[in-house]
Protein backbone atom coordinates (compact mmCIF):
# COMPACT_ATOMS: atom_id res chain seq x y z
CA MET A 1 -7.61 -2.44 -28.78
CA THR A 2 -6.87 0.81 -27.76
CA ASN A 3 -5.32 1.07 -23.80
CA ILE A 4 -7.98 2.57 -22.69
CA ILE A 5 -5.99 5.08 -20.64
CA SER A 6 -4.94 6.68 -24.11
CA LEU A 7 -8.39 7.67 -24.67
CA PHE A 8 -8.83 9.79 -21.56
CA GLU A 9 -8.79 13.46 -23.09
CA GLU A 10 -8.27 15.00 -19.31
CA SER A 11 -8.36 14.96 -15.85
CA LYS A 12 -10.90 17.85 -14.39
CA THR A 13 -11.00 18.65 -10.14
CA PHE A 14 -14.18 20.03 -9.29
CA LYS A 15 -15.21 21.88 -6.18
CA PRO A 16 -18.44 21.43 -4.00
CA GLY A 17 -21.23 22.78 -5.68
CA GLU A 18 -19.75 23.24 -9.22
CA VAL A 19 -21.85 21.21 -11.96
CA LEU A 20 -20.18 19.10 -14.27
CA ILE A 21 -23.15 17.74 -16.13
CA HIS A 22 -26.34 19.78 -16.77
CA GLU A 23 -29.34 18.06 -17.42
CA GLY A 24 -30.70 18.17 -21.19
CA GLU A 25 -27.02 18.88 -22.24
CA ASP A 26 -25.82 16.94 -25.40
CA ASN A 27 -22.62 16.24 -24.48
CA ARG A 28 -21.70 12.56 -25.06
CA ASP A 29 -18.41 12.08 -23.30
CA LEU A 30 -17.85 9.52 -20.02
CA TYR A 31 -16.97 10.10 -17.14
CA ILE A 32 -15.11 7.90 -14.54
CA VAL A 33 -14.98 9.39 -10.95
CA SER A 34 -11.90 8.79 -9.60
CA ASN A 35 -11.74 10.48 -6.19
CA GLY A 36 -14.83 12.41 -4.49
CA VAL A 37 -18.54 12.60 -4.48
CA LEU A 38 -21.26 13.96 -6.60
CA GLU A 39 -24.84 14.45 -6.20
CA VAL A 40 -27.36 13.55 -9.02
CA THR A 41 -30.39 15.61 -9.18
CA VAL A 42 -33.32 15.83 -11.78
CA LYS A 43 -35.52 18.84 -12.36
CA ASN A 44 -38.91 19.20 -10.63
CA GLU A 45 -41.01 21.95 -10.97
CA LEU A 46 -39.47 24.40 -7.75
CA THR A 47 -36.94 22.44 -6.72
CA PRO A 48 -33.94 19.51 -8.22
CA VAL A 49 -34.51 15.82 -6.43
CA VAL A 50 -31.70 14.05 -5.74
CA VAL A 51 -32.10 10.34 -7.20
CA SER A 52 -28.63 9.34 -6.61
CA GLU A 53 -24.87 10.28 -5.25
CA ILE A 54 -21.71 8.92 -6.71
CA ASN A 55 -18.48 8.00 -5.21
CA SER A 56 -15.12 6.87 -6.59
CA PRO A 57 -14.72 4.76 -8.42
CA GLU A 58 -17.69 4.84 -10.45
CA ILE A 59 -18.71 5.83 -13.86
CA LEU A 60 -21.48 8.24 -15.18
CA GLY A 61 -22.88 9.68 -18.30
CA GLU A 62 -23.35 5.98 -19.62
CA LEU A 63 -26.97 6.68 -20.85
CA SER A 64 -25.58 9.85 -23.37
CA PHE A 65 -22.31 8.09 -23.94
CA LEU A 66 -24.03 4.61 -25.43
CA ASN A 67 -27.53 6.08 -27.07
CA GLY A 68 -26.59 9.72 -27.77
CA THR A 69 -29.66 10.82 -25.74
CA PRO A 70 -29.58 14.18 -23.85
CA ARG A 71 -28.18 14.43 -20.35
CA THR A 72 -31.19 12.68 -18.32
CA ALA A 73 -29.51 14.32 -14.90
CA THR A 74 -27.55 17.00 -13.40
CA VAL A 75 -24.30 16.11 -11.67
CA THR A 76 -22.97 18.28 -9.19
CA ALA A 77 -19.88 17.71 -6.64
CA LYS A 78 -20.50 17.44 -3.18
CA THR A 79 -17.24 17.30 -2.18
CA ASP A 80 -14.11 17.78 -3.99
CA ALA A 81 -13.78 15.52 -6.47
CA GLU A 82 -12.22 14.28 -9.71
CA VAL A 83 -12.79 12.66 -12.87
CA PHE A 84 -11.53 11.60 -16.00
CA ILE A 85 -13.10 12.26 -19.56
CA LEU A 86 -13.55 9.67 -21.58
CA SER A 87 -14.03 11.42 -24.93
CA TYR A 88 -17.15 10.04 -27.22
CA GLU A 89 -15.53 10.92 -30.27
CA LYS A 90 -12.20 9.16 -29.29
CA VAL A 91 -14.22 6.08 -28.55
CA LYS A 92 -16.33 5.79 -31.47
CA GLN A 93 -13.67 4.31 -33.23
CA GLU A 94 -12.97 1.56 -30.70
CA MET A 95 -17.19 1.29 -30.76
CA SER A 96 -17.22 0.18 -34.01
CA ASP A 97 -15.80 -3.21 -33.46
CA ILE A 98 -18.24 -3.94 -31.36
CA PRO A 99 -20.81 -6.53 -32.57
CA THR A 100 -24.07 -5.08 -34.10
CA TRP A 101 -26.06 -7.76 -31.77
CA PHE A 102 -24.37 -6.25 -28.67
CA LYS A 103 -25.18 -2.49 -29.48
CA LEU A 104 -28.65 -3.55 -29.48
CA VAL A 105 -28.25 -4.86 -25.97
CA LEU A 106 -26.67 -1.58 -24.95
CA SER A 107 -29.12 0.49 -26.77
CA THR A 108 -31.82 -1.72 -25.00
CA LEU A 109 -30.47 -1.18 -21.91
CA THR A 110 -29.70 2.30 -21.89
CA SER A 111 -33.50 2.50 -23.00
CA ARG A 112 -34.77 1.24 -20.15
CA MET A 113 -32.60 3.00 -17.75
CA LYS A 114 -33.61 6.23 -19.19
CA SER A 115 -37.47 4.91 -18.94
CA CYS A 116 -36.58 4.39 -15.20
CA ALA A 117 -35.24 7.94 -14.37
CA GLU A 118 -38.46 9.24 -16.30
CA LYS A 119 -40.30 7.25 -14.00
CA ILE A 120 -38.72 8.50 -10.92
CA LYS A 121 -39.75 12.02 -11.80
CA GLU A 122 -43.03 11.13 -12.45
CA TYR A 123 -43.71 9.52 -9.21
CA ASP A 124 -41.70 12.62 -7.47
CA HIS A 125 -44.46 14.74 -9.04
CA ARG A 126 -47.28 12.50 -7.99
CA ILE A 127 -46.04 12.06 -4.54
CA LYS A 128 -45.92 16.15 -4.04
CA ASP A 129 -49.26 16.55 -5.18
CA LEU A 130 -50.53 13.76 -2.46
CA GLU A 131 -48.19 15.48 0.12
CA ALA A 132 -49.72 19.23 -0.92
CA GLU A 133 -53.32 17.61 -0.79
CA LEU A 134 -52.92 15.91 2.58
CA THR A 135 -51.21 19.04 4.04
CA LYS A 136 -54.52 20.69 2.78
CA HIS A 137 -56.99 18.09 4.16
CA LYS A 138 -55.32 18.22 7.38
CA ASN A 139 -55.86 22.00 7.48
CA ASN A 140 -59.13 22.22 7.16
């Protein structure tokens, strides 16, 4: 198996407010945060909804990396941050050694995680509707 360090295409530094990943894009690269804090948001009707923060050392982009679906969230640097980029194309050859049954497990897991992210969006929308309705009733 290839030394994982040799698979890193580059490291990149982001300033606060810079976007690393845009929700909906097709990039399949995997990112490893070596320094800093990143904010994860999903689209809402009016404003992005913060769903989590990622601190070093953590991995992000794993859903798209594993199952090839578009990015499910936008990731923005909250502080100065450095990430290592693991190119999907470089890893694809390594993944051919993974047993088929394990690929199925990974695919199932990532599909369920994506479903959870979609539910978060749906529930956030419902909460905002209920808050608006409650405010309307209070003002009457």
